[in-house]
Amino acid sequence: MHGPSPDILHPFNGEPHTVFLKNVITRPTIEVGDFTYYNDLENATAFEERNVRYHFDFVGDRLKIGRFCALAQGTTFIMNGANHAMTGFSTFPFNIFADAWREGFDEATIFDHLRGDMIVEHDVWFGTGATVMPGVTICSGAIIGAHTVVASDVPPYAIVVGNPGRVMRLRFDEDTIERLLEIAWWNWPAEKITRHLGAIRGADLARLEQATARTEVS
């Protein structure tokens, strides 16, 4: 028995409010892994336009989201294009409104505070209305609470809540986290994941390690 194909647009029996996200992405500067989904009662397929904000080609930053992530409605990624120049007395972007205001503007100043690509690793769960700020890395297994604003990097298997987001606790002890990252079940073929769902859902670390050590026909 196999799981769903990651190439299905609406994986819940055609229900339109949930999409496997990679199938609605068109920009080369956005990458989404298999089985990552987005749920939105308004327009799930418009994720790229509505939820990835200030993502301009001339800035060149990338959004990378891994496999098996779950994004609730309103999960928003603020990209580096949201930054304004802060080297003068005003942050108002005069240069974008009129030719006369562009004269003498040094475009390099708007790149002074860029924070690089935004990275979401694997198996990350975003609550409703979560917001991620430019250049943040969210490591595998993390949970981002509803309406949390993530402004700094998130360690593996951390639960983050609030504005600004803060780590409330780790989901597991450090040894378990290290072992889970070594297993990296999200990189297994879908058929192997299906065979070992009991251990994944049941938090059976020993069985997952045994499955990792075995050579299986996928």
N, C-alpha and C. Protein backbone atom coordinates (compact mmCIF):
# COMPACT_ATOMS: atom_id res chain seq x y z
N MET A 1 0.84 -1.19 0.00
CA MET A 1 0.00 0.00 0.00
C MET A 1 0.88 1.24 0.00
N HIS A 2 0.57 2.17 -0.89
CA HIS A 2 1.38 3.37 -1.03
C HIS A 2 0.61 4.59 -0.55
N GLY A 3 1.33 5.64 -0.21
CA GLY A 3 0.71 6.91 0.15
C GLY A 3 0.35 7.69 -1.10
N PRO A 4 -0.09 8.94 -0.92
CA PRO A 4 -0.48 9.76 -2.06
C PRO A 4 0.73 10.18 -2.89
N SER A 5 0.50 10.48 -4.14
CA SER A 5 1.56 11.02 -4.98
C SER A 5 1.81 12.48 -4.58
N PRO A 6 3.08 12.89 -4.47
CA PRO A 6 3.37 14.29 -4.16
C PRO A 6 3.02 15.24 -5.30
N ASP A 7 2.70 14.67 -6.45
CA ASP A 7 2.38 15.50 -7.62
C ASP A 7 0.89 15.84 -7.73
N ILE A 8 0.09 15.36 -6.77
CA ILE A 8 -1.33 15.70 -6.74
C ILE A 8 -1.48 17.14 -6.25
N LEU A 9 -2.32 17.93 -6.91
CA LEU A 9 -2.53 19.31 -6.48
C LEU A 9 -3.33 19.35 -5.19
N HIS A 10 -4.50 18.69 -5.18
CA HIS A 10 -5.37 18.67 -4.01
C HIS A 10 -5.39 17.25 -3.43
N PRO A 11 -4.59 16.97 -2.41
CA PRO A 11 -4.42 15.59 -1.96
C PRO A 11 -5.57 15.04 -1.11
N PHE A 12 -6.47 15.90 -0.63
CA PHE A 12 -7.58 15.43 0.20
C PHE A 12 -8.82 15.19 -0.65
N ASN A 13 -8.77 14.15 -1.47
CA ASN A 13 -9.93 13.77 -2.30
C ASN A 13 -10.47 14.94 -3.12
N GLY A 14 -9.57 15.79 -3.59
CA GLY A 14 -9.97 16.90 -4.44
C GLY A 14 -10.47 18.11 -3.70
N GLU A 15 -10.51 18.07 -2.36
CA GLU A 15 -10.94 19.22 -1.57
C GLU A 15 -10.02 20.40 -1.89
N PRO A 16 -10.59 21.58 -2.27
CA PRO A 16 -9.78 22.65 -2.86
C PRO A 16 -8.99 23.49 -1.87
N HIS A 17 -9.21 23.33 -0.58
CA HIS A 17 -8.60 24.23 0.38
C HIS A 17 -7.19 23.81 0.81
N THR A 18 -6.76 22.63 0.36
CA THR A 18 -5.44 22.13 0.72
C THR A 18 -4.69 21.74 -0.55
N VAL A 19 -3.44 22.19 -0.64
CA VAL A 19 -2.62 21.85 -1.81
C VAL A 19 -1.28 21.29 -1.36
N PHE A 20 -0.77 20.32 -2.12
CA PHE A 20 0.65 20.00 -2.01
C PHE A 20 1.38 21.17 -2.66
N LEU A 21 2.11 21.90 -1.86
CA LEU A 21 2.53 23.25 -2.20
C LEU A 21 3.43 23.34 -3.42
N LYS A 22 4.28 22.36 -3.61
CA LYS A 22 5.23 22.45 -4.73
C LYS A 22 4.51 22.57 -6.07
N ASN A 23 3.26 22.09 -6.12
CA ASN A 23 2.53 22.07 -7.39
C ASN A 23 1.89 23.41 -7.76
N VAL A 24 1.99 24.41 -6.88
CA VAL A 24 1.49 25.74 -7.22
C VAL A 24 2.62 26.77 -7.32
N ILE A 25 3.85 26.30 -7.20
CA ILE A 25 5.00 27.20 -7.25
C ILE A 25 5.50 27.35 -8.68
N THR A 26 5.70 28.59 -9.10
CA THR A 26 6.20 28.87 -10.45
C THR A 26 7.53 29.60 -10.45
N ARG A 27 7.86 30.30 -9.38
CA ARG A 27 9.09 31.09 -9.36
C ARG A 27 10.32 30.19 -9.15
N PRO A 28 11.38 30.43 -9.91
CA PRO A 28 12.60 29.64 -9.70
C PRO A 28 13.30 29.95 -8.38
N THR A 29 12.91 31.04 -7.74
CA THR A 29 13.53 31.44 -6.47
C THR A 29 12.79 30.86 -5.26
N ILE A 30 11.81 29.99 -5.51
CA ILE A 30 11.12 29.30 -4.42
C ILE A 30 11.22 27.79 -4.67
N GLU A 31 11.65 27.05 -3.65
CA GLU A 31 11.74 25.60 -3.74
C GLU A 31 10.92 24.99 -2.60
N VAL A 32 10.10 23.99 -2.92
CA VAL A 32 9.29 23.31 -1.91
C VAL A 32 9.43 21.81 -2.11
N GLY A 33 9.62 21.09 -1.02
CA GLY A 33 9.81 19.65 -1.09
C GLY A 33 8.50 18.88 -1.17
N ASP A 34 8.61 17.60 -1.48
CA ASP A 34 7.46 16.72 -1.62
C ASP A 34 6.65 16.65 -0.32
N PHE A 35 5.34 16.59 -0.47
CA PHE A 35 4.36 16.35 0.58
C PHE A 35 4.15 17.55 1.52
N THR A 36 4.89 18.61 1.35
CA THR A 36 4.60 19.82 2.12
C THR A 36 3.29 20.41 1.63
N TYR A 37 2.40 20.73 2.58
CA TYR A 37 1.08 21.21 2.16
C TYR A 37 0.73 22.54 2.81
N TYR A 38 -0.21 23.24 2.14
CA TYR A 38 -0.74 24.51 2.65
C TYR A 38 -2.25 24.44 2.64
N ASN A 39 -2.87 24.85 3.75
CA ASN A 39 -4.33 24.87 3.86
C ASN A 39 -4.82 26.30 3.99
N ASP A 40 -5.79 26.68 3.17
CA ASP A 40 -6.33 28.04 3.20
C ASP A 40 -7.75 28.00 2.67
N LEU A 41 -8.71 28.44 3.48
CA LEU A 41 -10.11 28.40 3.09
C LEU A 41 -10.44 29.42 1.99
N GLU A 42 -9.55 30.40 1.78
CA GLU A 42 -9.82 31.43 0.78
C GLU A 42 -9.26 31.07 -0.59
N ASN A 43 -7.95 30.84 -0.67
CA ASN A 43 -7.36 30.54 -1.98
C ASN A 43 -5.99 29.90 -1.79
N ALA A 44 -5.98 28.61 -1.57
CA ALA A 44 -4.73 27.91 -1.29
C ALA A 44 -3.77 27.95 -2.46
N THR A 45 -4.30 27.96 -3.68
CA THR A 45 -3.42 27.93 -4.85
C THR A 45 -2.69 29.24 -5.08
N ALA A 46 -3.11 30.32 -4.42
CA ALA A 46 -2.48 31.63 -4.60
C ALA A 46 -1.38 31.90 -3.59
N PHE A 47 -0.86 30.84 -2.99
CA PHE A 47 0.17 30.98 -1.95
C PHE A 47 1.33 31.87 -2.39
N GLU A 48 1.80 31.65 -3.59
CA GLU A 48 2.98 32.36 -4.08
C GLU A 48 2.77 33.87 -4.08
N GLU A 49 1.58 34.32 -4.48
CA GLU A 49 1.30 35.74 -4.57
C GLU A 49 0.90 36.34 -3.22
N ARG A 50 0.19 35.57 -2.40
CA ARG A 50 -0.38 36.12 -1.18
C ARG A 50 0.48 35.91 0.06
N ASN A 51 1.29 34.87 0.08
CA ASN A 51 1.98 34.50 1.31
C ASN A 51 3.49 34.69 1.28
N VAL A 52 4.05 34.91 0.10
CA VAL A 52 5.48 35.21 -0.01
C VAL A 52 5.58 36.68 -0.40
N ARG A 53 5.93 37.51 0.58
CA ARG A 53 5.82 38.95 0.41
C ARG A 53 7.17 39.60 0.13
N TYR A 54 7.14 40.63 -0.74
CA TYR A 54 8.34 41.44 -1.05
C TYR A 54 9.48 40.58 -1.60
N HIS A 55 9.11 39.66 -2.47
CA HIS A 55 10.09 38.74 -3.04
C HIS A 55 10.38 39.20 -4.47
N PHE A 56 11.42 40.02 -4.61
CA PHE A 56 11.74 40.65 -5.88
C PHE A 56 12.95 39.99 -6.53
N ASP A 57 12.87 39.79 -7.85
CA ASP A 57 13.96 39.13 -8.56
C ASP A 57 15.28 39.88 -8.41
N PHE A 58 15.23 41.21 -8.40
CA PHE A 58 16.48 41.97 -8.37
C PHE A 58 17.21 41.83 -7.03
N VAL A 59 16.51 41.41 -6.00
CA VAL A 59 17.16 41.17 -4.70
C VAL A 59 17.90 39.84 -4.73
N GLY A 60 17.26 38.82 -5.30
CA GLY A 60 17.95 37.55 -5.51
C GLY A 60 17.88 36.55 -4.38
N ASP A 61 17.11 36.85 -3.32
CA ASP A 61 17.04 35.88 -2.22
C ASP A 61 16.08 34.76 -2.58
N ARG A 62 16.25 33.62 -1.90
CA ARG A 62 15.48 32.41 -2.19
C ARG A 62 14.71 31.96 -0.94
N LEU A 63 13.58 31.34 -1.19
CA LEU A 63 12.81 30.67 -0.14
C LEU A 63 12.88 29.19 -0.41
N LYS A 64 13.37 28.42 0.58
CA LYS A 64 13.49 26.98 0.45
C LYS A 64 12.73 26.31 1.58
N ILE A 65 11.76 25.48 1.24
CA ILE A 65 10.95 24.76 2.22
C ILE A 65 11.13 23.27 1.96
N GLY A 66 11.39 22.52 2.98
CA GLY A 66 11.69 21.10 2.82
C GLY A 66 10.46 20.23 2.70
N ARG A 67 10.62 18.95 2.98
CA ARG A 67 9.57 17.95 2.81
C ARG A 67 8.74 17.82 4.09
N PHE A 68 7.48 17.41 3.91
CA PHE A 68 6.58 17.07 5.01
C PHE A 68 6.34 18.23 5.98
N CYS A 69 6.34 19.45 5.47
CA CYS A 69 5.97 20.59 6.30
C CYS A 69 4.47 20.84 6.19
N ALA A 70 3.88 21.37 7.26
CA ALA A 70 2.44 21.65 7.31
C ALA A 70 2.24 23.12 7.59
N LEU A 71 1.62 23.83 6.66
CA LEU A 71 1.44 25.27 6.76
C LEU A 71 -0.04 25.60 6.89
N ALA A 72 -0.41 26.19 8.02
CA ALA A 72 -1.80 26.59 8.23
C ALA A 72 -2.07 27.92 7.52
N GLN A 73 -3.35 28.25 7.43
CA GLN A 73 -3.78 29.45 6.72
C GLN A 73 -3.06 30.69 7.25
N GLY A 74 -2.61 31.52 6.33
CA GLY A 74 -1.99 32.78 6.69
C GLY A 74 -0.51 32.70 7.01
N THR A 75 0.10 31.54 6.92
CA THR A 75 1.55 31.46 7.09
C THR A 75 2.21 32.35 6.05
N THR A 76 3.03 33.30 6.51
CA THR A 76 3.57 34.34 5.63
C THR A 76 5.08 34.41 5.77
N PHE A 77 5.73 34.55 4.63
CA PHE A 77 7.19 34.68 4.58
C PHE A 77 7.54 36.08 4.07
N ILE A 78 8.18 36.87 4.91
CA ILE A 78 8.59 38.23 4.55
C ILE A 78 10.02 38.15 4.03
N MET A 79 10.20 38.48 2.76
CA MET A 79 11.51 38.35 2.13
C MET A 79 12.30 39.65 2.24
N ASN A 80 13.55 39.61 1.79
CA ASN A 80 14.46 40.74 1.98
C ASN A 80 14.03 42.01 1.26
N GLY A 81 13.19 41.90 0.24
CA GLY A 81 12.72 43.08 -0.46
C GLY A 81 11.89 44.01 0.38
N ALA A 82 11.50 43.58 1.58
CA ALA A 82 10.75 44.46 2.49
C ALA A 82 11.64 45.52 3.11
N ASN A 83 12.96 45.34 3.05
CA ASN A 83 13.89 46.29 3.68
C ASN A 83 13.93 47.62 2.95
N HIS A 84 14.04 48.70 3.72
CA HIS A 84 14.26 50.04 3.19
C HIS A 84 15.67 50.47 3.58
N ALA A 85 16.23 51.39 2.80
CA ALA A 85 17.54 51.93 3.14
C ALA A 85 17.47 52.65 4.49
N MET A 86 18.45 52.39 5.34
CA MET A 86 18.45 52.99 6.67
C MET A 86 19.70 53.82 6.93
N THR A 87 20.40 54.20 5.86
CA THR A 87 21.64 54.94 6.03
C THR A 87 21.43 56.44 6.14
N GLY A 88 20.25 56.92 5.75
CA GLY A 88 19.98 58.36 5.82
C GLY A 88 19.07 58.69 6.99
N PHE A 89 18.53 59.93 6.98
CA PHE A 89 17.64 60.36 8.05
C PHE A 89 16.22 59.82 7.89
N SER A 90 15.86 59.41 6.66
CA SER A 90 14.52 58.89 6.41
C SER A 90 14.61 57.49 5.80
N THR A 91 13.65 56.65 6.15
CA THR A 91 13.56 55.34 5.52
C THR A 91 12.55 55.32 4.39
N PHE A 92 11.94 56.46 4.06
CA PHE A 92 10.94 56.51 2.99
C PHE A 92 11.60 56.21 1.65
N PRO A 93 11.02 55.32 0.82
CA PRO A 93 11.65 54.94 -0.45
C PRO A 93 11.34 55.93 -1.58
N PHE A 94 11.87 57.15 -1.48
CA PHE A 94 11.62 58.18 -2.47
C PHE A 94 11.89 57.69 -3.90
N ASN A 95 12.94 56.91 -4.07
CA ASN A 95 13.43 56.54 -5.39
C ASN A 95 12.45 55.72 -6.21
N ILE A 96 11.46 55.07 -5.59
CA ILE A 96 10.56 54.21 -6.36
C ILE A 96 9.37 54.96 -6.93
N PHE A 97 9.22 56.26 -6.58
CA PHE A 97 8.01 56.98 -6.95
C PHE A 97 8.17 57.98 -8.10
N ALA A 98 9.36 58.51 -8.32
CA ALA A 98 9.51 59.53 -9.37
C ALA A 98 10.96 59.59 -9.82
N ASP A 99 11.15 59.92 -11.13
CA ASP A 99 12.50 60.02 -11.67
C ASP A 99 13.33 61.05 -10.92
N ALA A 100 12.71 62.15 -10.57
CA ALA A 100 13.46 63.21 -9.88
C ALA A 100 13.95 62.73 -8.52
N TRP A 101 13.21 61.82 -7.91
CA TRP A 101 13.61 61.30 -6.60
C TRP A 101 14.62 60.16 -6.71
N ARG A 102 14.79 59.63 -7.93
CA ARG A 102 15.80 58.58 -8.11
C ARG A 102 17.21 59.16 -8.23
N GLU A 103 17.29 60.39 -8.68
CA GLU A 103 18.60 61.00 -8.93
C GLU A 103 19.44 61.03 -7.66
N GLY A 104 20.64 60.51 -7.77
CA GLY A 104 21.56 60.51 -6.65
C GLY A 104 21.36 59.37 -5.66
N PHE A 105 20.38 58.50 -5.94
CA PHE A 105 20.12 57.39 -5.02
C PHE A 105 21.08 56.24 -5.30
N ASP A 106 21.75 55.78 -4.30
CA ASP A 106 22.68 54.66 -4.42
C ASP A 106 21.93 53.37 -4.10
N GLU A 107 21.64 52.55 -5.12
CA GLU A 107 20.85 51.35 -4.91
C GLU A 107 21.54 50.36 -3.98
N ALA A 108 22.84 50.47 -3.85
CA ALA A 108 23.56 49.54 -2.97
C ALA A 108 23.11 49.68 -1.52
N THR A 109 22.57 50.85 -1.16
CA THR A 109 22.19 51.06 0.23
C THR A 109 21.04 50.17 0.66
N ILE A 110 20.18 49.76 -0.29
CA ILE A 110 19.05 48.92 0.11
C ILE A 110 19.49 47.48 0.39
N PHE A 111 20.71 47.13 0.02
CA PHE A 111 21.21 45.78 0.25
C PHE A 111 22.08 45.69 1.52
N ASP A 112 22.21 46.82 2.22
CA ASP A 112 23.08 46.84 3.39
C ASP A 112 22.63 45.89 4.48
N HIS A 113 21.32 45.65 4.56
CA HIS A 113 20.79 44.90 5.68
C HIS A 113 20.15 43.58 5.26
N LEU A 114 20.48 43.09 4.08
CA LEU A 114 19.92 41.82 3.62
C LEU A 114 20.46 40.68 4.48
N ARG A 115 19.59 39.70 4.73
CA ARG A 115 19.96 38.61 5.63
C ARG A 115 20.08 37.27 4.91
N GLY A 116 20.02 37.27 3.59
CA GLY A 116 20.22 36.03 2.86
C GLY A 116 18.95 35.24 2.65
N ASP A 117 19.11 33.99 2.24
CA ASP A 117 17.97 33.14 1.93
C ASP A 117 17.18 32.77 3.18
N MET A 118 15.91 32.43 2.97
CA MET A 118 15.07 31.93 4.05
C MET A 118 14.96 30.41 3.88
N ILE A 119 15.29 29.67 4.94
CA ILE A 119 15.34 28.21 4.87
C ILE A 119 14.39 27.62 5.90
N VAL A 120 13.49 26.77 5.43
CA VAL A 120 12.67 25.94 6.31
C VAL A 120 13.07 24.50 6.00
N GLU A 121 13.52 23.77 6.98
CA GLU A 121 13.97 22.41 6.73
C GLU A 121 12.77 21.47 6.62
N HIS A 122 12.76 20.35 7.30
CA HIS A 122 11.75 19.31 7.07
C HIS A 122 10.85 19.12 8.29
N ASP A 123 9.61 18.67 8.03
CA ASP A 123 8.69 18.29 9.10
C ASP A 123 8.46 19.44 10.07
N VAL A 124 8.28 20.64 9.54
CA VAL A 124 8.00 21.82 10.36
C VAL A 124 6.51 22.13 10.28
N TRP A 125 5.91 22.43 11.41
CA TRP A 125 4.47 22.72 11.49
C TRP A 125 4.29 24.20 11.83
N PHE A 126 3.56 24.91 10.96
CA PHE A 126 3.26 26.32 11.17
C PHE A 126 1.80 26.49 11.57
N GLY A 127 1.56 27.15 12.69
CA GLY A 127 0.20 27.46 13.10
C GLY A 127 -0.37 28.62 12.31
N THR A 128 -1.67 28.84 12.44
CA THR A 128 -2.38 29.88 11.71
C THR A 128 -1.73 31.24 11.91
N GLY A 129 -1.51 31.94 10.81
CA GLY A 129 -1.04 33.31 10.87
C GLY A 129 0.41 33.49 11.30
N ALA A 130 1.21 32.44 11.26
CA ALA A 130 2.62 32.58 11.60
C ALA A 130 3.33 33.41 10.54
N THR A 131 4.31 34.21 10.98
CA THR A 131 5.07 35.07 10.08
C THR A 131 6.56 34.81 10.28
N VAL A 132 7.28 34.66 9.16
CA VAL A 132 8.72 34.43 9.22
C VAL A 132 9.42 35.61 8.58
N MET A 133 10.37 36.21 9.29
CA MET A 133 11.07 37.40 8.82
C MET A 133 12.29 37.03 7.97
N PRO A 134 12.85 38.00 7.24
CA PRO A 134 13.90 37.70 6.25
C PRO A 134 15.11 36.98 6.84
N GLY A 135 15.65 36.04 6.06
CA GLY A 135 16.92 35.41 6.37
C GLY A 135 16.91 34.37 7.47
N VAL A 136 15.73 34.00 7.94
CA VAL A 136 15.64 33.05 9.06
C VAL A 136 15.79 31.62 8.56
N THR A 137 16.41 30.78 9.37
CA THR A 137 16.44 29.33 9.16
C THR A 137 15.65 28.65 10.26
N ILE A 138 14.68 27.82 9.86
CA ILE A 138 13.90 27.03 10.81
C ILE A 138 14.27 25.57 10.60
N CYS A 139 14.83 24.95 11.63
CA CYS A 139 15.37 23.60 11.49
C CYS A 139 14.27 22.54 11.60
N SER A 140 14.60 21.35 11.20
CA SER A 140 13.65 20.25 11.09
C SER A 140 12.97 19.95 12.43
N GLY A 141 11.69 19.56 12.33
CA GLY A 141 10.94 19.12 13.49
C GLY A 141 10.38 20.23 14.35
N ALA A 142 10.59 21.49 13.98
CA ALA A 142 10.13 22.60 14.80
C ALA A 142 8.61 22.77 14.68
N ILE A 143 8.03 23.41 15.69
CA ILE A 143 6.62 23.81 15.67
C ILE A 143 6.58 25.31 15.90
N ILE A 144 5.90 26.03 15.00
CA ILE A 144 5.76 27.48 15.09
C ILE A 144 4.31 27.77 15.47
N GLY A 145 4.11 28.36 16.63
CA GLY A 145 2.77 28.59 17.13
C GLY A 145 1.98 29.59 16.32
N ALA A 146 0.66 29.56 16.48
CA ALA A 146 -0.22 30.48 15.76
C ALA A 146 0.15 31.92 16.06
N HIS A 147 0.22 32.73 15.01
CA HIS A 147 0.48 34.17 15.09
C HIS A 147 1.87 34.50 15.65
N THR A 148 2.75 33.53 15.64
CA THR A 148 4.13 33.77 16.05
C THR A 148 4.87 34.55 14.97
N VAL A 149 5.77 35.45 15.38
CA VAL A 149 6.64 36.16 14.45
C VAL A 149 8.06 35.66 14.67
N VAL A 150 8.57 34.94 13.69
CA VAL A 150 9.89 34.31 13.81
C VAL A 150 10.93 35.26 13.22
N ALA A 151 11.76 35.83 14.07
CA ALA A 151 12.75 36.81 13.63
C ALA A 151 14.18 36.32 13.79
N SER A 152 14.36 35.13 14.34
CA SER A 152 15.71 34.57 14.49
C SER A 152 15.64 33.07 14.24
N ASP A 153 16.79 32.46 14.04
CA ASP A 153 16.85 31.04 13.68
C ASP A 153 16.23 30.17 14.77
N VAL A 154 15.64 29.06 14.32
CA VAL A 154 14.94 28.15 15.23
C VAL A 154 15.68 26.81 15.23
N PRO A 155 16.07 26.29 16.40
CA PRO A 155 16.79 25.01 16.44
C PRO A 155 15.89 23.83 16.15
N PRO A 156 16.47 22.66 15.89
CA PRO A 156 15.66 21.47 15.60
C PRO A 156 14.71 21.11 16.73
N TYR A 157 13.49 20.73 16.36
CA TYR A 157 12.49 20.23 17.29
C TYR A 157 12.16 21.21 18.42
N ALA A 158 12.27 22.50 18.12
CA ALA A 158 11.90 23.53 19.10
C ALA A 158 10.44 23.93 18.90
N ILE A 159 9.78 24.31 19.99
CA ILE A 159 8.45 24.91 19.93
C ILE A 159 8.62 26.39 20.17
N VAL A 160 8.19 27.20 19.20
CA VAL A 160 8.41 28.64 19.23
C VAL A 160 7.06 29.34 19.23
N VAL A 161 6.88 30.32 20.14
CA VAL A 161 5.63 31.07 20.22
C VAL A 161 5.95 32.54 20.49
N GLY A 162 4.97 33.40 20.17
CA GLY A 162 5.04 34.79 20.58
C GLY A 162 5.57 35.74 19.53
N ASN A 163 5.61 37.02 19.91
CA ASN A 163 6.14 38.09 19.07
C ASN A 163 6.98 39.02 19.93
N PRO A 164 8.32 38.96 19.77
CA PRO A 164 9.05 38.09 18.84
C PRO A 164 9.03 36.63 19.32
N GLY A 165 9.16 35.72 18.35
CA GLY A 165 9.11 34.30 18.68
C GLY A 165 10.23 33.90 19.62
N ARG A 166 9.91 33.08 20.59
CA ARG A 166 10.91 32.58 21.53
C ARG A 166 10.70 31.08 21.72
N VAL A 167 11.78 30.39 22.00
CA VAL A 167 11.71 28.94 22.20
C VAL A 167 11.12 28.66 23.58
N MET A 168 9.95 28.01 23.58
CA MET A 168 9.33 27.62 24.85
C MET A 168 9.99 26.37 25.43
N ARG A 169 10.24 25.41 24.56
CA ARG A 169 10.91 24.19 24.99
C ARG A 169 11.27 23.39 23.75
N LEU A 170 12.09 22.37 23.95
CA LEU A 170 12.38 21.40 22.90
C LEU A 170 11.42 20.23 23.03
N ARG A 171 11.05 19.67 21.91
CA ARG A 171 10.06 18.58 21.93
C ARG A 171 10.62 17.30 22.54
N PHE A 172 11.93 17.10 22.40
CA PHE A 172 12.57 15.89 22.90
C PHE A 172 13.90 16.27 23.54
N ASP A 173 14.50 15.34 24.26
CA ASP A 173 15.82 15.60 24.83
C ASP A 173 16.86 15.66 23.72
N GLU A 174 18.01 16.21 24.03
CA GLU A 174 19.04 16.47 23.02
C GLU A 174 19.53 15.20 22.35
N ASP A 175 19.66 14.12 23.11
CA ASP A 175 20.12 12.86 22.51
C ASP A 175 19.11 12.35 21.49
N THR A 176 17.84 12.41 21.82
CA THR A 176 16.80 11.96 20.89
C THR A 176 16.80 12.81 19.64
N ILE A 177 16.93 14.12 19.81
CA ILE A 177 16.95 15.02 18.65
C ILE A 177 18.12 14.70 17.74
N GLU A 178 19.28 14.49 18.32
CA GLU A 178 20.45 14.14 17.52
C GLU A 178 20.23 12.86 16.73
N ARG A 179 19.61 11.88 17.37
CA ARG A 179 19.36 10.60 16.71
C ARG A 179 18.31 10.75 15.60
N LEU A 180 17.28 11.56 15.84
CA LEU A 180 16.26 11.80 14.81
C LEU A 180 16.86 12.50 13.59
N LEU A 181 17.74 13.45 13.83
CA LEU A 181 18.37 14.15 12.71
C LEU A 181 19.29 13.21 11.92
N GLU A 182 19.87 12.27 12.62
CA GLU A 182 20.71 11.27 11.93
C GLU A 182 19.84 10.33 11.09
N ILE A 183 18.69 9.95 11.63
CA ILE A 183 17.77 9.09 10.89
C ILE A 183 17.22 9.81 9.65
N ALA A 184 16.78 11.07 9.84
CA ALA A 184 16.25 11.89 8.73
C ALA A 184 15.23 11.13 7.90
N TRP A 185 14.19 10.61 8.56
CA TRP A 185 13.20 9.77 7.87
C TRP A 185 12.55 10.48 6.69
N TRP A 186 12.49 11.80 6.73
CA TRP A 186 11.86 12.57 5.65
C TRP A 186 12.59 12.44 4.32
N ASN A 187 13.82 11.95 4.37
CA ASN A 187 14.56 11.72 3.12
C ASN A 187 14.36 10.31 2.57
N TRP A 188 13.67 9.46 3.30
CA TRP A 188 13.43 8.10 2.82
C TRP A 188 12.47 8.13 1.62
N PRO A 189 12.53 7.12 0.78
CA PRO A 189 11.50 6.98 -0.26
C PRO A 189 10.12 6.87 0.38
N ALA A 190 9.11 7.34 -0.32
CA ALA A 190 7.75 7.34 0.24
C ALA A 190 7.29 5.94 0.64
N GLU A 191 7.69 4.92 -0.13
CA GLU A 191 7.27 3.56 0.18
C GLU A 191 7.86 3.09 1.51
N LYS A 192 9.11 3.47 1.78
CA LYS A 192 9.74 3.10 3.04
C LYS A 192 9.08 3.83 4.21
N ILE A 193 8.75 5.10 4.01
CA ILE A 193 8.04 5.84 5.05
C ILE A 193 6.72 5.16 5.37
N THR A 194 6.00 4.74 4.32
CA THR A 194 4.72 4.07 4.52
C THR A 194 4.88 2.81 5.36
N ARG A 195 5.94 2.05 5.08
CA ARG A 195 6.17 0.81 5.82
C ARG A 195 6.46 1.06 7.30
N HIS A 196 6.99 2.22 7.62
CA HIS A 196 7.44 2.49 8.98
C HIS A 196 6.66 3.62 9.66
N LEU A 197 5.46 3.86 9.16
CA LEU A 197 4.64 4.91 9.77
C LEU A 197 4.33 4.62 11.23
N GLY A 198 4.18 3.36 11.58
CA GLY A 198 3.90 3.01 12.97
C GLY A 198 4.99 3.52 13.90
N ALA A 199 6.24 3.38 13.48
CA ALA A 199 7.35 3.83 14.31
C ALA A 199 7.45 5.35 14.33
N ILE A 200 7.14 5.99 13.21
CA ILE A 200 7.20 7.46 13.15
C ILE A 200 6.09 8.05 14.02
N ARG A 201 4.87 7.57 13.83
CA ARG A 201 3.75 8.10 14.60
C ARG A 201 3.81 7.67 16.06
N GLY A 202 4.39 6.51 16.31
CA GLY A 202 4.45 5.98 17.67
C GLY A 202 5.69 6.37 18.43
N ALA A 203 6.55 7.19 17.82
CA ALA A 203 7.78 7.66 18.47
C ALA A 203 8.65 6.49 18.93
N ASP A 204 8.77 5.48 18.07
CA ASP A 204 9.58 4.30 18.37
C ASP A 204 10.96 4.49 17.74
N LEU A 205 11.85 5.10 18.50
CA LEU A 205 13.15 5.47 17.98
C LEU A 205 13.99 4.25 17.61
N ALA A 206 13.91 3.22 18.41
CA ALA A 206 14.71 2.02 18.15
C ALA A 206 14.32 1.39 16.81
N ARG A 207 13.02 1.32 16.54
CA ARG A 207 12.57 0.74 15.27
C ARG A 207 13.01 1.60 14.08
N LEU A 208 13.00 2.91 14.25
CA LEU A 208 13.45 3.78 13.16
C LEU A 208 14.94 3.59 12.89
N GLU A 209 15.70 3.45 13.95
CA GLU A 209 17.14 3.22 13.77
C GLU A 209 17.40 1.87 13.12
N GLN A 210 16.62 0.88 13.47
CA GLN A 210 16.76 -0.43 12.81
C GLN A 210 16.44 -0.33 11.33
N ALA A 211 15.39 0.43 11.00
CA ALA A 211 15.00 0.62 9.60
C ALA A 211 16.08 1.38 8.84
N THR A 212 16.73 2.30 9.50
CA THR A 212 17.80 3.07 8.88
C THR A 212 18.99 2.16 8.58
N ALA A 213 19.29 1.28 9.50
CA ALA A 213 20.47 0.40 9.34
C ALA A 213 20.25 -0.66 8.28
N ARG A 214 18.99 -1.07 8.06
CA ARG A 214 18.71 -2.11 7.09
C ARG A 214 18.75 -1.57 5.67
N THR A 215 19.19 -2.40 4.76
CA THR A 215 19.06 -2.09 3.35
C THR A 215 17.76 -2.68 2.85
N GLU A 216 16.85 -1.80 2.41
CA GLU A 216 15.54 -2.27 2.00
C GLU A 216 15.30 -1.96 0.53
N VAL A 217 14.47 -2.76 -0.07
CA VAL A 217 14.04 -2.48 -1.43
C VAL A 217 12.87 -1.50 -1.33
N SER A 218 13.06 -0.30 -1.86
CA SER A 218 12.02 0.74 -1.73
C SER A 218 11.08 0.71 -2.90
